[in-house]
Amino acid sequence: MDHLGHLYSAYGHSAQGFDVFVATGLEAGEPRREATEQDMRSARLSVDELEDRLRAGTIKDGSTVAAWGLYRLAS
């Protein structure tokens, strides 16, 4: 697992931050979601599909966009 960086969710408004990691060699398993996460959806996307969704604004959250930017810079 490689650490790509530390980002802030709302820099200047909050000190809450998060670390971005990339992990390789993982295998998918059955989800074990908590009761409040039962409506959560997950999907496996190719790089092209992910970037298409980012460009289209389908994926909008800043944390995902910033984390993907860190990953692309590290690649």
N, C-alpha and C. Protein backbone atom coordinates (compact mmCIF):
# COMPACT_ATOMS: atom_id res chain seq x y z
N MET A 1 0.86 -1.16 0.00
CA MET A 1 0.00 0.00 0.00
C MET A 1 0.91 1.23 0.00
N ASP A 2 0.61 2.15 -0.90
CA ASP A 2 1.40 3.38 -1.02
C ASP A 2 0.57 4.59 -0.61
N HIS A 3 1.18 5.46 0.18
CA HIS A 3 0.54 6.70 0.61
C HIS A 3 0.74 7.74 -0.48
N LEU A 4 -0.36 8.29 -1.01
CA LEU A 4 -0.28 9.29 -2.07
C LEU A 4 -0.31 10.71 -1.55
N GLY A 5 -0.89 10.92 -0.38
CA GLY A 5 -0.93 12.26 0.17
C GLY A 5 -2.00 12.44 1.21
N HIS A 6 -2.02 13.62 1.79
CA HIS A 6 -3.00 14.01 2.80
C HIS A 6 -3.75 15.21 2.26
N LEU A 7 -5.06 15.16 2.28
CA LEU A 7 -5.90 16.25 1.78
C LEU A 7 -6.86 16.71 2.87
N TYR A 8 -7.39 17.91 2.70
CA TYR A 8 -8.38 18.45 3.63
C TYR A 8 -9.73 18.54 2.93
N SER A 9 -10.77 18.14 3.63
CA SER A 9 -12.12 18.12 3.06
C SER A 9 -12.61 19.52 2.74
N ALA A 10 -12.34 20.47 3.60
CA ALA A 10 -12.80 21.85 3.39
C ALA A 10 -11.74 22.79 3.95
N TYR A 11 -10.61 22.84 3.28
CA TYR A 11 -9.46 23.63 3.74
C TYR A 11 -9.87 25.08 3.97
N GLY A 12 -9.50 25.61 5.11
CA GLY A 12 -9.86 26.97 5.48
C GLY A 12 -11.14 27.05 6.29
N HIS A 13 -11.94 25.99 6.23
CA HIS A 13 -13.19 25.96 7.00
C HIS A 13 -13.14 24.89 8.09
N SER A 14 -12.34 23.86 7.86
CA SER A 14 -12.30 22.73 8.79
C SER A 14 -10.90 22.13 8.77
N ALA A 15 -10.49 21.61 9.89
CA ALA A 15 -9.20 20.94 9.98
C ALA A 15 -9.31 19.44 9.69
N GLN A 16 -10.50 18.99 9.30
CA GLN A 16 -10.71 17.57 9.03
C GLN A 16 -10.02 17.21 7.72
N GLY A 17 -9.16 16.21 7.81
CA GLY A 17 -8.43 15.77 6.64
C GLY A 17 -8.52 14.27 6.45
N PHE A 18 -7.95 13.80 5.37
CA PHE A 18 -7.95 12.37 5.09
C PHE A 18 -6.70 12.03 4.29
N ASP A 19 -6.27 10.80 4.44
CA ASP A 19 -5.12 10.31 3.70
C ASP A 19 -5.60 9.51 2.50
N VAL A 20 -4.83 9.58 1.42
CA VAL A 20 -5.15 8.86 0.20
C VAL A 20 -4.08 7.79 -0.01
N PHE A 21 -4.53 6.56 -0.16
CA PHE A 21 -3.63 5.43 -0.38
C PHE A 21 -4.03 4.71 -1.66
N VAL A 22 -3.08 4.03 -2.27
CA VAL A 22 -3.38 3.12 -3.37
C VAL A 22 -2.88 1.74 -2.93
N ALA A 23 -3.74 0.76 -3.09
CA ALA A 23 -3.41 -0.61 -2.70
C ALA A 23 -3.50 -1.51 -3.92
N THR A 24 -2.60 -2.45 -4.01
CA THR A 24 -2.60 -3.40 -5.12
C THR A 24 -2.66 -4.81 -4.56
N GLY A 25 -2.99 -5.75 -5.42
CA GLY A 25 -3.03 -7.15 -5.01
C GLY A 25 -4.22 -7.51 -4.14
N LEU A 26 -5.29 -6.73 -4.21
CA LEU A 26 -6.48 -7.00 -3.40
C LEU A 26 -7.44 -7.91 -4.16
N GLU A 27 -8.24 -8.63 -3.41
CA GLU A 27 -9.28 -9.46 -4.01
C GLU A 27 -10.63 -9.03 -3.46
N ALA A 28 -11.62 -8.97 -4.33
CA ALA A 28 -12.96 -8.56 -3.91
C ALA A 28 -13.57 -9.63 -3.02
N GLY A 29 -14.28 -9.19 -2.01
CA GLY A 29 -14.98 -10.09 -1.11
C GLY A 29 -16.43 -9.65 -0.96
N GLU A 30 -17.17 -10.37 -0.19
CA GLU A 30 -18.56 -10.01 0.08
C GLU A 30 -18.60 -8.78 0.99
N PRO A 31 -19.46 -7.80 0.67
CA PRO A 31 -19.57 -6.63 1.54
C PRO A 31 -20.14 -7.02 2.91
N ARG A 32 -19.64 -6.38 3.93
CA ARG A 32 -20.16 -6.55 5.29
C ARG A 32 -20.56 -5.16 5.80
N ARG A 33 -21.67 -4.68 5.30
CA ARG A 33 -22.11 -3.33 5.61
C ARG A 33 -22.90 -3.26 6.90
N GLU A 34 -22.77 -2.11 7.54
CA GLU A 34 -23.57 -1.83 8.73
C GLU A 34 -24.99 -1.51 8.30
N ALA A 35 -25.90 -1.49 9.25
CA ALA A 35 -27.33 -1.26 8.95
C ALA A 35 -27.55 0.04 8.18
N THR A 36 -26.81 1.09 8.53
CA THR A 36 -27.00 2.38 7.87
C THR A 36 -26.36 2.43 6.48
N GLU A 37 -25.64 1.40 6.10
CA GLU A 37 -24.98 1.37 4.79
C GLU A 37 -25.64 0.42 3.80
N GLN A 38 -26.79 -0.12 4.14
CA GLN A 38 -27.42 -1.14 3.31
C GLN A 38 -27.81 -0.65 1.92
N ASP A 39 -28.06 0.65 1.77
CA ASP A 39 -28.44 1.17 0.45
C ASP A 39 -27.24 1.64 -0.37
N MET A 40 -26.03 1.41 0.16
CA MET A 40 -24.81 1.82 -0.54
C MET A 40 -24.60 0.96 -1.78
N ARG A 41 -24.21 1.62 -2.87
CA ARG A 41 -23.92 0.89 -4.10
C ARG A 41 -22.42 0.95 -4.38
N SER A 42 -21.89 -0.08 -4.97
CA SER A 42 -20.50 -0.08 -5.39
C SER A 42 -20.42 -0.66 -6.79
N ALA A 43 -19.42 -0.23 -7.54
CA ALA A 43 -19.26 -0.70 -8.91
C ALA A 43 -17.78 -0.68 -9.26
N ARG A 44 -17.38 -1.62 -10.06
CA ARG A 44 -16.02 -1.66 -10.57
C ARG A 44 -16.01 -0.91 -11.89
N LEU A 45 -15.14 0.09 -12.01
CA LEU A 45 -15.07 0.92 -13.21
C LEU A 45 -13.68 0.83 -13.83
N SER A 46 -13.63 0.89 -15.13
CA SER A 46 -12.34 1.02 -15.80
C SER A 46 -11.87 2.47 -15.63
N VAL A 47 -10.62 2.73 -15.92
CA VAL A 47 -10.09 4.09 -15.85
C VAL A 47 -10.90 5.00 -16.77
N ASP A 48 -11.16 4.56 -17.98
CA ASP A 48 -11.93 5.38 -18.93
C ASP A 48 -13.32 5.69 -18.40
N GLU A 49 -14.00 4.68 -17.82
CA GLU A 49 -15.34 4.90 -17.27
C GLU A 49 -15.30 5.89 -16.12
N LEU A 50 -14.32 5.76 -15.23
CA LEU A 50 -14.20 6.68 -14.10
C LEU A 50 -13.98 8.10 -14.60
N GLU A 51 -13.04 8.27 -15.52
CA GLU A 51 -12.75 9.61 -16.01
C GLU A 51 -13.92 10.19 -16.80
N ASP A 52 -14.66 9.37 -17.53
CA ASP A 52 -15.87 9.84 -18.21
C ASP A 52 -16.88 10.36 -17.20
N ARG A 53 -17.05 9.64 -16.11
CA ARG A 53 -18.02 10.06 -15.08
C ARG A 53 -17.55 11.33 -14.37
N LEU A 54 -16.25 11.47 -14.16
CA LEU A 54 -15.73 12.69 -13.57
C LEU A 54 -15.97 13.88 -14.50
N ARG A 55 -15.68 13.71 -15.78
CA ARG A 55 -15.88 14.80 -16.75
C ARG A 55 -17.36 15.17 -16.88
N ALA A 56 -18.22 14.17 -16.85
CA ALA A 56 -19.66 14.40 -17.01
C ALA A 56 -20.30 14.99 -15.76
N GLY A 57 -19.59 14.95 -14.65
CA GLY A 57 -20.16 15.44 -13.39
C GLY A 57 -21.03 14.43 -12.69
N THR A 58 -20.99 13.17 -13.14
CA THR A 58 -21.74 12.11 -12.46
C THR A 58 -21.14 11.85 -11.09
N ILE A 59 -19.82 11.86 -11.02
CA ILE A 59 -19.09 11.78 -9.75
C ILE A 59 -18.70 13.21 -9.42
N LYS A 60 -19.23 13.73 -8.30
CA LYS A 60 -19.10 15.16 -7.99
C LYS A 60 -18.33 15.48 -6.72
N ASP A 61 -18.15 14.50 -5.86
CA ASP A 61 -17.57 14.86 -4.57
C ASP A 61 -16.08 15.18 -4.71
N GLY A 62 -15.70 16.27 -4.05
CA GLY A 62 -14.34 16.77 -4.16
C GLY A 62 -13.28 15.80 -3.67
N SER A 63 -13.62 14.99 -2.68
CA SER A 63 -12.63 14.04 -2.16
C SER A 63 -12.24 13.01 -3.21
N THR A 64 -13.22 12.52 -3.96
CA THR A 64 -12.93 11.55 -5.01
C THR A 64 -12.14 12.19 -6.14
N VAL A 65 -12.54 13.38 -6.55
CA VAL A 65 -11.85 14.08 -7.64
C VAL A 65 -10.40 14.36 -7.24
N ALA A 66 -10.19 14.84 -6.02
CA ALA A 66 -8.84 15.16 -5.56
C ALA A 66 -7.99 13.90 -5.41
N ALA A 67 -8.57 12.83 -4.87
CA ALA A 67 -7.83 11.58 -4.71
C ALA A 67 -7.41 11.03 -6.07
N TRP A 68 -8.31 11.10 -7.06
CA TRP A 68 -7.97 10.64 -8.40
C TRP A 68 -6.84 11.50 -8.99
N GLY A 69 -6.88 12.79 -8.73
CA GLY A 69 -5.79 13.67 -9.18
C GLY A 69 -4.45 13.27 -8.59
N LEU A 70 -4.42 12.96 -7.30
CA LEU A 70 -3.19 12.48 -6.68
C LEU A 70 -2.70 11.19 -7.30
N TYR A 71 -3.63 10.29 -7.58
CA TYR A 71 -3.27 9.03 -8.19
C TYR A 71 -2.66 9.25 -9.59
N ARG A 72 -3.30 10.10 -10.39
CA ARG A 72 -2.79 10.36 -11.74
C ARG A 72 -1.42 11.03 -11.69
N LEU A 73 -1.20 11.92 -10.74
CA LEU A 73 0.11 12.56 -10.60
C LEU A 73 1.19 11.56 -10.22
N ALA A 74 0.81 10.55 -9.44
CA ALA A 74 1.78 9.55 -8.99
C ALA A 74 2.05 8.48 -10.05
N SER A 75 1.17 8.38 -11.03
CA SER A 75 1.31 7.33 -12.06
C SER A 75 2.36 7.68 -13.08
